[in-house]
Amino acid sequence: KYVDIFVLKSSYFHYSIIIFVYCLNIKYYKNLKKSSQSSYHIQKIQKSKSKKNYKINKMGS
């Protein structure tokens, strides 16, 4: 009886850890997607800015 309870508890513990890790991975993946999109967006903005600055410098010289 005692061993049964122990096994049940340990299996439940493992199960909860698996679920926890799974949820963490999903959160991490979502954040990763978000951050990669935003960094891509920032890169695009920076590129367009540098193009504008290049044009302005050409005009100024």
N, C-alpha and C. Protein backbone atom coordinates (compact mmCIF):
# COMPACT_ATOMS: atom_id res chain seq x y z
N LYS A 1 0.85 -1.20 0.00
CA LYS A 1 0.00 0.00 0.00
C LYS A 1 0.89 1.26 0.00
N TYR A 2 1.86 1.31 0.89
CA TYR A 2 2.74 2.48 0.99
C TYR A 2 3.49 2.70 -0.33
N VAL A 3 3.98 1.61 -0.90
CA VAL A 3 4.74 1.70 -2.15
C VAL A 3 3.84 2.21 -3.27
N ASP A 4 2.61 1.73 -3.30
CA ASP A 4 1.65 2.18 -4.32
C ASP A 4 1.47 3.69 -4.26
N ILE A 5 1.28 4.18 -3.06
CA ILE A 5 1.08 5.62 -2.87
C ILE A 5 2.32 6.38 -3.33
N PHE A 6 3.47 5.84 -2.97
CA PHE A 6 4.73 6.49 -3.34
C PHE A 6 4.87 6.55 -4.86
N VAL A 7 4.59 5.45 -5.52
CA VAL A 7 4.69 5.39 -6.99
C VAL A 7 3.70 6.36 -7.61
N LEU A 8 2.51 6.39 -7.08
CA LEU A 8 1.48 7.29 -7.59
C LEU A 8 1.94 8.74 -7.47
N LYS A 9 2.45 9.05 -6.28
CA LYS A 9 2.92 10.42 -6.03
C LYS A 9 4.05 10.78 -6.98
N SER A 10 5.01 9.89 -7.11
CA SER A 10 6.16 10.19 -7.96
C SER A 10 5.73 10.32 -9.42
N SER A 11 4.82 9.46 -9.86
CA SER A 11 4.37 9.54 -11.25
C SER A 11 3.59 10.84 -11.47
N TYR A 12 2.79 11.22 -10.48
CA TYR A 12 2.04 12.48 -10.57
C TYR A 12 3.02 13.66 -10.63
N PHE A 13 4.06 13.57 -9.82
CA PHE A 13 5.09 14.61 -9.77
C PHE A 13 5.76 14.74 -11.14
N HIS A 14 6.13 13.59 -11.71
CA HIS A 14 6.77 13.59 -13.03
C HIS A 14 5.83 14.18 -14.07
N TYR A 15 4.59 13.80 -13.99
CA TYR A 15 3.58 14.27 -14.93
C TYR A 15 3.45 15.79 -14.87
N SER A 16 3.39 16.30 -13.65
CA SER A 16 3.24 17.75 -13.48
C SER A 16 4.48 18.47 -13.99
N ILE A 17 5.65 17.88 -13.78
CA ILE A 17 6.88 18.49 -14.28
C ILE A 17 6.85 18.53 -15.81
N ILE A 18 6.40 17.44 -16.41
CA ILE A 18 6.32 17.38 -17.87
C ILE A 18 5.39 18.47 -18.39
N ILE A 19 4.24 18.59 -17.75
CA ILE A 19 3.27 19.62 -18.16
C ILE A 19 3.88 21.00 -18.00
N PHE A 20 4.54 21.21 -16.87
CA PHE A 20 5.16 22.50 -16.57
C PHE A 20 6.19 22.85 -17.65
N VAL A 21 7.04 21.90 -17.96
CA VAL A 21 8.09 22.12 -18.96
C VAL A 21 7.45 22.39 -20.33
N TYR A 22 6.40 21.63 -20.62
CA TYR A 22 5.69 21.79 -21.89
C TYR A 22 5.14 23.21 -22.01
N CYS A 23 4.50 23.68 -20.95
CA CYS A 23 3.94 25.03 -20.95
C CYS A 23 5.05 26.07 -21.10
N LEU A 24 6.15 25.85 -20.40
CA LEU A 24 7.28 26.77 -20.50
C LEU A 24 7.78 26.84 -21.93
N ASN A 25 7.88 25.67 -22.56
CA ASN A 25 8.37 25.63 -23.93
C ASN A 25 7.44 26.39 -24.86
N ILE A 26 6.14 26.23 -24.66
CA ILE A 26 5.17 26.94 -25.50
C ILE A 26 5.33 28.44 -25.31
N LYS A 27 5.43 28.86 -24.05
CA LYS A 27 5.61 30.29 -23.75
C LYS A 27 6.88 30.79 -24.41
N TYR A 28 7.96 30.04 -24.24
CA TYR A 28 9.26 30.43 -24.78
C TYR A 28 9.19 30.54 -26.30
N TYR A 29 8.53 29.55 -26.91
CA TYR A 29 8.41 29.52 -28.37
C TYR A 29 7.63 30.74 -28.86
N LYS A 30 6.53 31.05 -28.17
CA LYS A 30 5.71 32.21 -28.55
C LYS A 30 6.53 33.49 -28.43
N ASN A 31 7.26 33.63 -27.32
CA ASN A 31 8.09 34.82 -27.11
C ASN A 31 9.18 34.90 -28.17
N LEU A 32 9.72 33.74 -28.51
CA LEU A 32 10.77 33.68 -29.52
C LEU A 32 10.21 34.19 -30.85
N LYS A 33 9.03 33.71 -31.20
CA LYS A 33 8.39 34.15 -32.45
C LYS A 33 8.17 35.65 -32.43
N LYS A 34 7.62 36.13 -31.31
CA LYS A 34 7.35 37.56 -31.16
C LYS A 34 8.64 38.36 -31.32
N SER A 35 9.68 37.94 -30.58
CA SER A 35 10.93 38.70 -30.56
C SER A 35 11.59 38.66 -31.94
N SER A 36 11.50 37.51 -32.61
CA SER A 36 12.13 37.42 -33.93
C SER A 36 11.39 38.33 -34.91
N GLN A 37 10.07 38.38 -34.79
CA GLN A 37 9.28 39.26 -35.66
C GLN A 37 9.63 40.72 -35.39
N SER A 38 9.70 41.08 -34.11
CA SER A 38 9.98 42.47 -33.76
C SER A 38 11.40 42.85 -34.17
N SER A 39 12.35 41.93 -34.00
CA SER A 39 13.73 42.24 -34.38
C SER A 39 13.81 42.40 -35.90
N TYR A 40 13.06 41.58 -36.62
CA TYR A 40 13.01 41.70 -38.08
C TYR A 40 12.44 43.06 -38.47
N HIS A 41 11.39 43.46 -37.78
CA HIS A 41 10.75 44.76 -38.02
C HIS A 41 11.74 45.89 -37.75
N ILE A 42 12.46 45.78 -36.64
CA ILE A 42 13.44 46.80 -36.27
C ILE A 42 14.53 46.88 -37.34
N GLN A 43 14.97 45.72 -37.81
CA GLN A 43 16.00 45.70 -38.86
C GLN A 43 15.50 46.41 -40.11
N LYS A 44 14.24 46.15 -40.46
CA LYS A 44 13.65 46.80 -41.63
C LYS A 44 13.66 48.31 -41.46
N ILE A 45 13.24 48.75 -40.28
CA ILE A 45 13.19 50.20 -39.99
C ILE A 45 14.59 50.79 -40.10
N GLN A 46 15.57 50.09 -39.50
CA GLN A 46 16.94 50.59 -39.52
C GLN A 46 17.46 50.68 -40.95
N LYS A 47 17.11 49.69 -41.77
CA LYS A 47 17.56 49.70 -43.17
C LYS A 47 16.98 50.90 -43.89
N SER A 48 15.69 51.13 -43.71
CA SER A 48 15.04 52.26 -44.40
C SER A 48 15.63 53.58 -43.90
N LYS A 49 15.94 53.65 -42.60
CA LYS A 49 16.54 54.86 -42.04
C LYS A 49 17.91 55.11 -42.67
N SER A 50 18.71 54.05 -42.77
CA SER A 50 20.06 54.22 -43.32
C SER A 50 19.97 54.64 -44.78
N LYS A 51 18.98 54.13 -45.51
CA LYS A 51 18.79 54.54 -46.90
C LYS A 51 18.48 56.03 -46.97
N LYS A 52 17.57 56.45 -46.09
CA LYS A 52 17.19 57.87 -46.06
C LYS A 52 18.41 58.73 -45.74
N ASN A 53 19.18 58.32 -44.74
CA ASN A 53 20.37 59.08 -44.34
C ASN A 53 21.38 59.14 -45.49
N TYR A 54 21.49 58.04 -46.21
CA TYR A 54 22.42 57.99 -47.35
C TYR A 54 22.00 59.02 -48.40
N LYS A 55 20.69 59.07 -48.68
CA LYS A 55 20.17 60.03 -49.65
C LYS A 55 20.45 61.46 -49.19
N ILE A 56 20.19 61.71 -47.91
CA ILE A 56 20.38 63.06 -47.36
C ILE A 56 21.85 63.45 -47.46
N ASN A 57 22.74 62.51 -47.13
CA ASN A 57 24.18 62.80 -47.19
C ASN A 57 24.61 63.09 -48.62
N LYS A 58 24.04 62.35 -49.57
CA LYS A 58 24.38 62.57 -50.98
C LYS A 58 23.95 63.97 -51.41
N MET A 59 22.75 64.34 -50.99
CA MET A 59 22.23 65.65 -51.35
C MET A 59 23.08 66.75 -50.71
N GLY A 60 23.49 66.50 -49.47
CA GLY A 60 24.24 67.52 -48.73
C GLY A 60 25.63 67.74 -49.30
N SER A 61 26.24 66.69 -49.87
CA SER A 61 27.62 66.82 -50.32
C SER A 61 27.74 67.49 -51.68
